[in-house]
Amino acid sequence: MNTQTVDLLGVGIGPFNLSIAALASTKPDLSTLFLERKKAFAWHPGLLLNDAKMQTSYLKDLVTGIDPTNPYSFLNYLVEQQKLYPFIASGQSVISRIEFSHYLSWAAHSLNNTRFNQDVQSVEFNGDVFTIETSEHSYQSKHLVVGTGMQPQVPTFCEPHISNTCFHASELGLRKPNLTGKRVAIIGGGQTGADVFQHLFDKTFGEVADINWISRRSNIEALDESCFTDQYFMPDYVDGFYHLAQTTKNSEVSRQKLTSDGITNDCLQGIYQRLYHDRYVLNNPSWWSIQPNRTLISLAHNENGYKLHLEHGLTHDNTQINADVVILCTGYRRALPSCLSKLASQIPLNSQGLPELCPDFSVKWPAANNNRIYMVNAGIHSHGIAEPQLSLATWRAAKIINHASGKNLYEIDQQEAIVDWGLSSPEVLIQPKAKAAV
């Protein structure tokens, strides 16, 4: 059996590795190959709800931010699919998640450096090259880039109850449950929680008897998408952020939460108008409830359904609600993929249990001078709030391509920014100044 050897091999084909694959596909100076265990491309298939929208512009696609002439741009996808003019006429500034998923799938299956149905079982390092084993093939590569995505996060006390009636929202579109006549509790106040609430309200999964939307946030909060907030998603800010003290980084990431984890204003306006019409125009009996500032603290199940115990964030009062179905919109967690287990002892982890990343998104490990392991969507606590978002995916991809090739294959020099963050001198940013004694 012949062993294919490349300069850079990617494990996983999600949007971030796909961006690297697309940009690298036109650069013969760097040989690349990307492997995916699934038989076909899939991007959060359980959340491709009919009316769910993207939070970012369609210009923040796989390639346009770095190379708008690349054949795998969203605009070229529209041309190839013969729908450019209808799209222009639609006046959309943001597109549906379904269409963006179609675009990603089109690119993934058009590229010649992607391979599906390739389950990476192990990765070994022999001193100068990585050996990657799948169930059917063996590959060798000088460098790795890991983009295996995140795993659904479920509260520990909910894990024993995971079933057809208690599940993570990432499975909703795949399960397509019949919720007619059911009491449903939605846990989580971000964009996913809003999308689920809207689709349940609109009877996408049947005529629900009762909806309780629970969020520990202080309100149902909007995405902060102003033009100045968007400056957090610029290369100069990410480069400067990297050199801050870790305690400062953690504080800033927490403070900036709503720049990426709020709900789009269009979605909020649509939900509010539905609620107003239902309550004040149709005068329907109460059948839905929105409860912010409540934390789910326990979950029990009996023959009558689920009992959810909540604690109020301000009063600390305990209340209880009942449900037949519980949908957990509780986010995702990052974890080191099992295929790297043979390298795990050589990769130091940070307090979040993830590898420490260099400015170029490579892992700090003993062989990093010659053989690099890059990771995407694993550096929010090192590179900031933009790292797990699509906004700078192309810039990060180009940076990895340049670093792995040792050449300036893409021009990524920064233009003069609108905002002066004062973060351009790393030497003075390693630790925050101590406060004077009082």
Protein backbone atom coordinates (compact mmCIF):
# COMPACT_ATOMS: atom_id res chain seq x y z
CA MET A 1 0.00 0.00 0.00
CA ASN A 2 1.44 3.38 -1.01
CA THR A 3 1.71 6.00 1.70
CA GLN A 4 0.81 9.49 0.53
CA THR A 5 3.08 12.20 1.91
CA VAL A 6 2.14 15.88 2.15
CA ASP A 7 3.42 19.06 3.78
CA LEU A 8 0.27 19.74 5.80
CA LEU A 9 -2.44 17.23 6.70
CA GLY A 10 -5.71 18.34 8.25
CA VAL A 11 -7.75 16.21 10.62
CA GLY A 12 -11.43 17.09 10.30
CA ILE A 13 -13.25 19.05 7.60
CA GLY A 14 -15.31 21.79 9.18
CA PRO A 15 -15.48 25.42 8.02
CA PHE A 16 -12.09 26.34 9.50
CA ASN A 17 -10.04 23.51 8.01
CA LEU A 18 -12.09 23.90 4.85
CA SER A 19 -10.89 27.51 4.60
CA ILE A 20 -7.29 26.31 4.79
CA ALA A 21 -8.00 23.63 2.18
CA ALA A 22 -9.60 26.14 -0.20
CA LEU A 23 -6.82 28.73 0.10
CA ALA A 24 -4.10 26.07 -0.13
CA SER A 25 -5.68 24.48 -3.20
CA THR A 26 -4.32 27.23 -5.45
CA LYS A 27 -0.80 27.19 -3.92
CA PRO A 28 1.29 24.29 -5.31
CA ASP A 29 4.21 25.30 -3.05
CA LEU A 30 2.37 23.64 -0.15
CA SER A 31 0.94 20.14 -0.60
CA THR A 32 -2.11 19.54 1.58
CA LEU A 33 -4.67 16.87 2.35
CA PHE A 34 -7.71 17.03 4.66
CA LEU A 35 -9.42 13.95 6.12
CA GLU A 36 -12.95 13.64 7.50
CA ARG A 37 -14.57 10.58 9.09
CA LYS A 38 -18.05 11.42 7.84
CA LYS A 39 -19.11 10.13 4.45
CA ALA A 40 -20.14 13.60 3.32
CA PHE A 41 -19.75 17.16 4.55
CA ALA A 42 -22.03 18.11 7.44
CA TRP A 43 -22.08 21.37 9.43
CA HIS A 44 -24.29 21.29 12.53
CA PRO A 45 -27.01 19.42 10.59
CA GLY A 46 -29.29 19.32 13.63
CA LEU A 47 -29.39 23.14 13.77
CA LEU A 48 -30.18 23.78 10.11
CA LEU A 49 -33.64 24.98 11.01
CA ASN A 50 -35.72 26.48 8.24
CA ASP A 51 -35.55 30.12 9.33
CA ALA A 52 -32.18 30.16 11.15
CA LYS A 53 -29.86 32.89 9.89
CA MET A 54 -26.11 33.43 9.91
CA GLN A 55 -24.68 36.01 12.29
CA THR A 56 -21.99 37.13 9.84
CA SER A 57 -21.87 38.52 6.32
CA TYR A 58 -21.70 36.09 3.41
CA LEU A 59 -18.46 37.87 2.43
CA LYS A 60 -16.88 36.24 5.48
CA ASP A 61 -16.77 32.98 3.61
CA LEU A 62 -13.91 30.50 3.13
CA VAL A 63 -11.62 32.69 1.04
CA THR A 64 -12.85 36.19 0.18
CA GLY A 65 -11.14 38.00 3.08
CA ILE A 66 -7.75 36.93 1.74
CA ASP A 67 -8.27 35.95 -1.90
CA PRO A 68 -11.54 37.09 -3.49
CA THR A 69 -10.46 35.61 -6.84
CA ASN A 70 -10.29 32.10 -5.36
CA PRO A 71 -12.77 29.74 -7.09
CA TYR A 72 -14.26 28.71 -3.74
CA SER A 73 -15.79 32.05 -2.80
CA PHE A 74 -19.48 32.33 -1.93
CA LEU A 75 -20.04 34.60 -4.93
CA ASN A 76 -18.54 32.01 -7.26
CA TYR A 77 -20.76 29.40 -5.63
CA LEU A 78 -23.77 31.56 -6.58
CA VAL A 79 -22.51 31.79 -10.15
CA GLU A 80 -21.82 28.06 -10.36
CA GLN A 81 -25.30 27.32 -9.00
CA GLN A 82 -26.82 29.79 -11.49
CA LYS A 83 -28.52 31.91 -8.84
CA LEU A 84 -26.38 35.05 -8.60
CA TYR A 85 -28.97 37.46 -10.01
CA PRO A 86 -31.88 36.08 -7.95
CA PHE A 87 -29.64 36.37 -4.88
CA ILE A 88 -28.79 40.00 -5.65
CA ALA A 89 -32.48 40.78 -6.13
CA SER A 90 -33.31 39.25 -2.74
CA GLY A 91 -31.42 42.05 -0.97
CA GLN A 92 -30.02 39.76 1.71
CA SER A 93 -27.24 41.08 3.93
CA VAL A 94 -27.11 37.83 5.90
CA ILE A 95 -28.10 34.44 4.58
CA SER A 96 -29.73 31.34 5.99
CA ARG A 97 -27.63 28.72 7.74
CA ILE A 98 -29.06 26.21 5.26
CA GLU A 99 -27.67 28.08 2.25
CA PHE A 100 -24.29 28.64 3.91
CA SER A 101 -24.17 24.92 4.65
CA HIS A 102 -24.94 24.20 0.98
CA TYR A 103 -22.06 26.49 0.02
CA LEU A 104 -19.64 24.77 2.41
CA SER A 105 -20.68 21.35 1.12
CA TRP A 106 -20.22 22.49 -2.49
CA ALA A 107 -16.68 23.63 -1.72
CA ALA A 108 -15.80 20.56 0.35
CA HIS A 109 -16.80 18.13 -2.39
CA SER A 110 -15.31 20.21 -5.23
CA LEU A 111 -11.81 20.47 -3.76
CA ASN A 112 -9.19 17.91 -4.77
CA ASN A 113 -7.41 17.97 -1.39
CA THR A 114 -10.31 16.66 0.72
CA ARG A 115 -11.08 13.02 1.52
CA PHE A 116 -14.25 11.83 3.23
CA ASN A 117 -14.99 8.52 4.96
CA GLN A 118 -11.48 8.65 6.44
CA ASP A 119 -11.68 8.08 10.18
CA VAL A 120 -8.32 9.09 11.66
CA GLN A 121 -7.62 6.50 14.33
CA SER A 122 -4.12 7.45 15.39
CA VAL A 123 -1.38 10.00 14.88
CA GLU A 124 2.24 9.16 15.71
CA PHE A 125 5.43 11.17 15.50
CA ASN A 126 8.76 9.46 14.77
CA GLY A 127 11.06 12.44 15.09
CA ASP A 128 10.73 14.08 11.70
CA VAL A 129 7.30 13.21 10.30
CA PHE A 130 3.76 12.48 11.46
CA THR A 131 2.21 9.15 10.51
CA ILE A 132 -1.57 9.27 10.31
CA GLU A 133 -3.53 6.02 10.26
CA THR A 134 -7.12 5.58 9.17
CA SER A 135 -9.05 2.32 8.94
CA GLU A 136 -8.00 1.95 5.29
CA HIS A 137 -4.99 4.16 4.57
CA SER A 138 -1.76 5.48 5.98
CA TYR A 139 -0.47 9.01 5.40
CA GLN A 140 2.62 10.98 6.32
CA SER A 141 2.90 14.71 6.82
CA LYS A 142 5.45 17.25 7.96
CA HIS A 143 2.79 19.30 9.77
CA LEU A 144 -0.71 18.75 11.15
CA VAL A 145 -3.73 21.03 11.48
CA VAL A 146 -6.47 19.80 13.77
CA GLY A 147 -10.01 21.05 13.18
CA THR A 148 -12.25 18.43 14.72
CA GLY A 149 -14.83 20.85 16.05
CA MET A 150 -16.47 20.88 19.47
CA GLN A 151 -18.64 18.48 21.42
CA PRO A 152 -22.13 19.32 22.72
CA GLN A 153 -21.99 20.42 26.34
CA VAL A 154 -24.58 18.93 28.67
CA PRO A 155 -24.92 19.70 32.41
CA THR A 156 -23.68 16.72 34.41
CA PHE A 157 -27.00 16.21 36.19
CA CYS A 158 -28.77 16.06 32.82
CA GLU A 159 -26.57 13.31 31.38
CA PRO A 160 -28.53 10.39 32.95
CA HIS A 161 -31.72 11.74 31.33
CA ILE A 162 -30.47 12.05 27.74
CA SER A 163 -33.12 10.38 25.60
CA ASN A 164 -35.75 11.06 22.96
CA THR A 165 -37.36 13.54 25.34
CA CYS A 166 -34.24 15.22 26.75
CA PHE A 167 -31.51 16.10 24.29
CA HIS A 168 -29.03 18.72 23.13
CA ALA A 169 -30.34 21.23 20.60
CA SER A 170 -27.71 20.09 18.08
CA GLU A 171 -29.91 17.02 17.51
CA LEU A 172 -33.23 18.83 17.03
CA GLY A 173 -33.20 19.00 13.24
CA LEU A 174 -32.07 15.37 12.99
CA ARG A 175 -34.63 14.01 15.45
CA LYS A 176 -37.51 16.07 14.00
CA PRO A 177 -39.68 15.24 17.02
CA ASN A 178 -43.46 15.48 17.02
CA LEU A 179 -44.06 17.93 19.85
CA THR A 180 -47.81 18.24 19.37
CA GLY A 181 -49.50 18.61 22.75
CA LYS A 182 -46.17 18.54 24.61
CA ARG A 183 -44.88 20.81 27.35
CA VAL A 184 -41.40 21.87 26.26
CA ALA A 185 -38.62 23.50 28.27
CA ILE A 186 -35.81 25.26 26.39
CA ILE A 187 -32.63 25.72 28.44
CA GLY A 188 -30.25 28.42 27.21
CA GLY A 189 -30.60 32.07 26.20
CA GLY A 190 -28.25 32.40 23.24
CA GLN A 191 -28.92 32.35 19.50
CA THR A 192 -29.66 28.62 19.51
CA GLY A 193 -32.22 29.00 22.28
CA ALA A 194 -33.88 31.82 20.32
CA ASP A 195 -33.95 29.78 17.10
CA VAL A 196 -35.48 26.81 18.90
CA PHE A 197 -38.09 28.99 20.63
CA GLN A 198 -39.05 30.63 17.34
CA HIS A 199 -39.45 27.34 15.49
CA LEU A 200 -41.47 25.80 18.31
CA PHE A 201 -43.67 28.90 18.42
CA ASP A 202 -44.17 28.62 14.65
CA LYS A 203 -45.26 24.97 15.03
CA THR A 204 -42.37 23.59 12.98
CA PHE A 205 -42.48 20.43 15.10
CA GLY A 206 -46.20 20.37 15.77
CA GLU A 207 -48.54 22.46 17.92
CA VAL A 208 -46.76 22.66 21.25
CA ALA A 209 -49.00 22.87 24.32
CA ASP A 210 -46.63 24.90 26.47
CA ILE A 211 -43.16 26.47 26.09
CA ASN A 212 -40.88 27.61 28.92
CA TRP A 213 -37.72 29.37 27.72
CA ILE A 214 -35.19 29.44 30.56
CA SER A 215 -31.98 31.48 30.57
CA ARG A 216 -29.51 32.25 33.31
CA ARG A 217 -28.64 35.50 31.53
CA SER A 218 -30.11 38.65 33.03
CA ASN A 219 -32.28 39.21 29.95
CA ILE A 220 -32.84 37.92 26.44
CA GLU A 221 -29.81 39.76 25.13
CA ALA A 222 -29.02 41.03 21.64
CA LEU A 223 -25.87 40.35 19.68
CA ASP A 224 -23.53 43.34 19.92
CA GLU A 225 -22.92 43.89 16.22
CA SER A 226 -22.07 47.58 15.96
CA CYS A 227 -19.36 48.77 13.58
CA PHE A 228 -17.00 49.50 16.47
CA THR A 229 -17.65 46.17 18.15
CA ASP A 230 -16.67 44.59 14.83
CA GLN A 231 -13.17 45.97 15.41
CA TYR A 232 -12.60 43.10 17.86
CA PHE A 233 -12.71 40.88 14.78
CA MET A 234 -9.73 42.53 13.10
CA PRO A 235 -6.21 41.05 12.81
CA ASP A 236 -4.56 43.93 14.69
CA TYR A 237 -6.74 43.38 17.74
CA VAL A 238 -6.19 39.61 17.76
CA ASP A 239 -2.42 40.02 17.44
CA GLY A 240 -2.34 42.53 20.28
CA PHE A 241 -4.73 40.53 22.46
CA TYR A 242 -2.45 37.50 22.30
CA HIS A 243 0.26 39.25 24.35
CA LEU A 244 -1.96 40.31 27.24
CA ALA A 245 -1.72 38.65 30.65
CA GLN A 246 -3.93 35.56 30.86
CA THR A 247 -6.07 37.00 33.67
CA THR A 248 -6.72 40.06 31.52
CA LYS A 249 -7.56 37.87 28.52
CA ASN A 250 -10.07 35.86 30.54
CA SER A 251 -11.73 39.02 31.78
CA GLU A 252 -11.96 40.51 28.29
CA VAL A 253 -13.38 37.33 26.75
CA SER A 254 -16.07 37.27 29.42
CA ARG A 255 -16.84 40.98 28.99
CA GLN A 256 -17.13 40.62 25.21
CA LYS A 257 -19.49 37.64 25.34
CA LEU A 258 -22.33 39.35 23.50
CA THR A 259 -20.12 40.21 20.52
CA SER A 260 -20.51 36.58 19.42
CA ASP A 261 -22.99 34.91 21.74
CA GLY A 262 -25.98 37.26 21.66
CA ILE A 263 -29.08 36.98 19.50
CA THR A 264 -29.40 38.85 16.21
CA ASN A 265 -31.70 41.85 16.32
CA ASP A 266 -33.73 40.54 13.38
CA CYS A 267 -34.40 37.32 15.28
CA LEU A 268 -35.34 39.16 18.49
CA GLN A 269 -37.63 41.56 16.65
CA GLY A 270 -39.34 38.68 14.89
CA ILE A 271 -39.91 36.80 18.15
CA TYR A 272 -41.19 39.88 19.97
CA GLN A 273 -43.64 40.69 17.19
CA ARG A 274 -44.95 37.11 17.31
CA LEU A 275 -45.43 37.34 21.07
CA TYR A 276 -47.16 40.72 20.86
CA HIS A 277 -49.55 39.46 18.18
CA ASP A 278 -50.30 36.30 20.14
CA ARG A 279 -50.94 38.02 23.49
CA TYR A 280 -52.31 41.45 22.64
CA VAL A 281 -53.98 40.98 19.27
CA LEU A 282 -55.24 37.41 19.29
CA ASN A 283 -55.68 37.45 23.10
CA ASN A 284 -54.72 33.79 23.28
CA PRO A 285 -54.57 32.04 26.66
CA SER A 286 -51.08 31.94 28.15
CA TRP A 287 -49.12 29.03 26.67
CA TRP A 288 -45.54 30.34 26.67
CA SER A 289 -43.19 31.84 29.23
CA ILE A 290 -39.80 33.53 28.93
CA GLN A 291 -37.80 33.36 32.15
CA PRO A 292 -34.37 35.03 32.24
CA ASN A 293 -32.14 35.11 35.30
CA ARG A 294 -32.98 31.51 36.16
CA THR A 295 -30.42 28.75 36.47
CA LEU A 296 -31.38 25.12 36.04
CA ILE A 297 -29.96 23.45 39.17
CA SER A 298 -31.47 19.97 38.95
CA LEU A 299 -33.60 17.74 36.77
CA ALA A 300 -35.77 14.80 37.78
CA HIS A 301 -37.97 12.45 35.79
CA ASN A 302 -41.04 10.38 36.63
CA GLU A 303 -44.12 9.03 34.88
CA ASN A 304 -45.51 12.56 34.59
CA GLY A 305 -42.48 13.96 32.79
CA TYR A 306 -39.60 16.14 33.95
CA LYS A 307 -39.39 18.37 36.99
CA LEU A 308 -36.96 21.24 36.49
CA HIS A 309 -35.72 23.07 39.57
CA LEU A 310 -34.64 26.67 38.95
CA GLU A 311 -32.85 29.26 41.05
CA HIS A 312 -33.37 32.99 40.44
CA GLY A 313 -30.12 34.87 39.92
CA LEU A 314 -31.21 37.95 41.89
CA THR A 315 -33.65 36.75 44.55
CA HIS A 316 -32.21 33.22 44.88
CA ASP A 317 -35.78 31.93 45.08
CA ASN A 318 -36.28 28.34 43.99
CA THR A 319 -39.10 27.47 41.59
CA GLN A 320 -40.18 24.41 39.67
CA ILE A 321 -41.58 23.86 36.21
CA ASN A 322 -42.82 20.69 34.52
CA ALA A 323 -42.10 19.53 30.99
CA ASP A 324 -42.57 16.55 28.73
CA VAL A 325 -39.54 17.46 26.59
CA VAL A 326 -36.32 19.26 27.56
CA ILE A 327 -34.14 20.82 24.83
CA LEU A 328 -30.67 21.80 26.02
CA CYS A 329 -29.25 24.84 24.23
CA THR A 330 -26.22 24.71 26.51
CA GLY A 331 -23.38 25.26 24.08
CA TYR A 332 -20.28 23.25 23.27
CA ARG A 333 -17.00 22.27 24.87
CA ARG A 334 -13.56 21.96 23.38
CA ALA A 335 -11.54 18.78 23.88
CA LEU A 336 -8.32 17.26 22.56
CA PRO A 337 -9.36 14.67 19.92
CA SER A 338 -8.73 11.04 20.83
CA CYS A 339 -6.63 10.45 17.69
CA LEU A 340 -3.88 12.55 19.32
CA SER A 341 -3.72 10.33 22.40
CA LYS A 342 -0.24 9.01 21.49
CA LEU A 343 1.05 12.59 21.41
CA ALA A 344 -0.86 13.80 24.47
CA SER A 345 2.05 13.33 26.88
CA GLN A 346 4.16 15.71 24.79
CA ILE A 347 1.52 18.45 24.53
CA PRO A 348 1.26 20.72 27.61
CA LEU A 349 -2.27 21.84 28.42
CA ASN A 350 -3.56 25.10 29.86
CA SER A 351 -6.09 25.55 32.67
CA GLN A 352 -8.93 24.89 30.20
CA GLY A 353 -7.42 21.51 29.32
CA LEU A 354 -6.37 22.67 25.86
CA PRO A 355 -2.94 23.03 24.26
CA GLU A 356 -1.07 26.29 24.59
CA LEU A 357 -1.03 28.04 21.20
CA CYS A 358 1.62 30.29 19.67
CA PRO A 359 0.63 33.48 17.79
CA ASP A 360 0.59 31.48 14.53
CA PHE A 361 -1.93 28.99 16.03
CA SER A 362 0.66 26.22 16.38
CA VAL A 363 0.88 24.15 19.53
CA LYS A 364 3.73 24.68 21.95
CA TRP A 365 5.36 21.25 22.01
CA PRO A 366 8.96 19.91 21.93
CA ALA A 367 9.20 19.33 18.16
CA ALA A 368 7.54 22.61 17.19
CA ASN A 369 10.64 24.01 15.46
CA ASN A 370 10.39 21.53 12.57
CA ASN A 371 7.05 19.74 12.83
CA ARG A 372 4.07 21.81 13.82
CA ILE A 373 0.62 20.95 15.10
CA TYR A 374 -1.82 23.75 14.32
CA MET A 375 -5.22 23.93 15.98
CA VAL A 376 -8.25 25.91 14.88
CA ASN A 377 -11.20 26.77 17.13
CA ALA A 378 -9.11 26.00 20.19
CA GLY A 379 -7.68 29.39 21.11
CA ILE A 380 -10.35 31.70 22.46
CA HIS A 381 -8.37 32.12 25.70
CA SER A 382 -5.14 32.85 23.81
CA HIS A 383 -6.32 34.78 20.73
CA GLY A 384 -9.62 36.21 21.94
CA ILE A 385 -13.29 36.27 21.06
CA ALA A 386 -12.68 36.26 17.28
CA GLU A 387 -10.85 32.93 17.27
CA PRO A 388 -13.87 30.58 17.18
CA GLN A 389 -15.83 32.80 14.77
CA LEU A 390 -16.02 32.81 10.98
CA SER A 391 -15.03 36.49 10.78
CA LEU A 392 -11.26 35.89 10.74
CA ALA A 393 -11.20 32.29 9.50
CA THR A 394 -9.58 33.26 6.19
CA TRP A 395 -6.93 35.41 7.88
CA ARG A 396 -6.06 32.59 10.29
CA ALA A 397 -6.00 30.09 7.40
CA ALA A 398 -3.59 32.29 5.44
CA LYS A 399 -1.42 32.76 8.51
CA ILE A 400 -1.19 28.98 9.00
CA ILE A 401 -0.46 28.42 5.30
CA ASN A 402 2.34 31.00 5.34
CA HIS A 403 3.83 29.60 8.53
CA ALA A 404 3.65 25.96 7.42
CA SER A 405 5.19 26.72 4.02
CA GLY A 406 7.83 29.07 5.35
CA LYS A 407 6.86 31.46 2.57
CA ASN A 408 4.70 34.53 2.22
CA LEU A 409 2.17 32.76 -0.02
CA TYR A 410 -0.54 35.20 1.05
CA GLU A 411 -0.20 38.86 1.90
CA ILE A 412 -1.64 39.35 5.38
CA ASP A 413 0.02 42.60 6.41
CA GLN A 414 -2.46 44.72 8.31
CA GLN A 415 -3.89 47.92 6.99
CA GLU A 416 -4.10 50.94 9.25
CA ALA A 417 -6.95 50.30 11.68
CA ILE A 418 -9.81 52.61 12.65
CA VAL A 419 -9.25 52.06 16.39
CA ASP A 420 -5.92 52.46 18.18
CA TRP A 421 -6.04 49.70 20.80
CA GLY A 422 -2.65 50.52 22.27
CA LEU A 423 -1.71 46.85 21.97
CA SER A 424 1.12 47.14 19.45
CA SER A 425 4.01 46.72 21.90
CA PRO A 426 3.97 43.17 23.32
CA GLU A 427 6.94 43.83 25.62
CA VAL A 428 4.86 46.02 27.95
CA LEU A 429 1.74 43.87 27.87
CA ILE A 430 2.88 40.64 29.46
CA GLN A 431 1.55 41.51 32.91
CA PRO A 432 -0.92 44.18 34.05
CA LYS A 433 0.37 46.97 36.25
CA ALA A 434 0.03 46.40 39.98
CA LYS A 435 -2.38 48.68 41.78
CA ALA A 436 -0.92 51.13 44.24
CA ALA A 437 -1.41 50.30 47.89
CA VAL A 438 -3.99 52.34 49.78
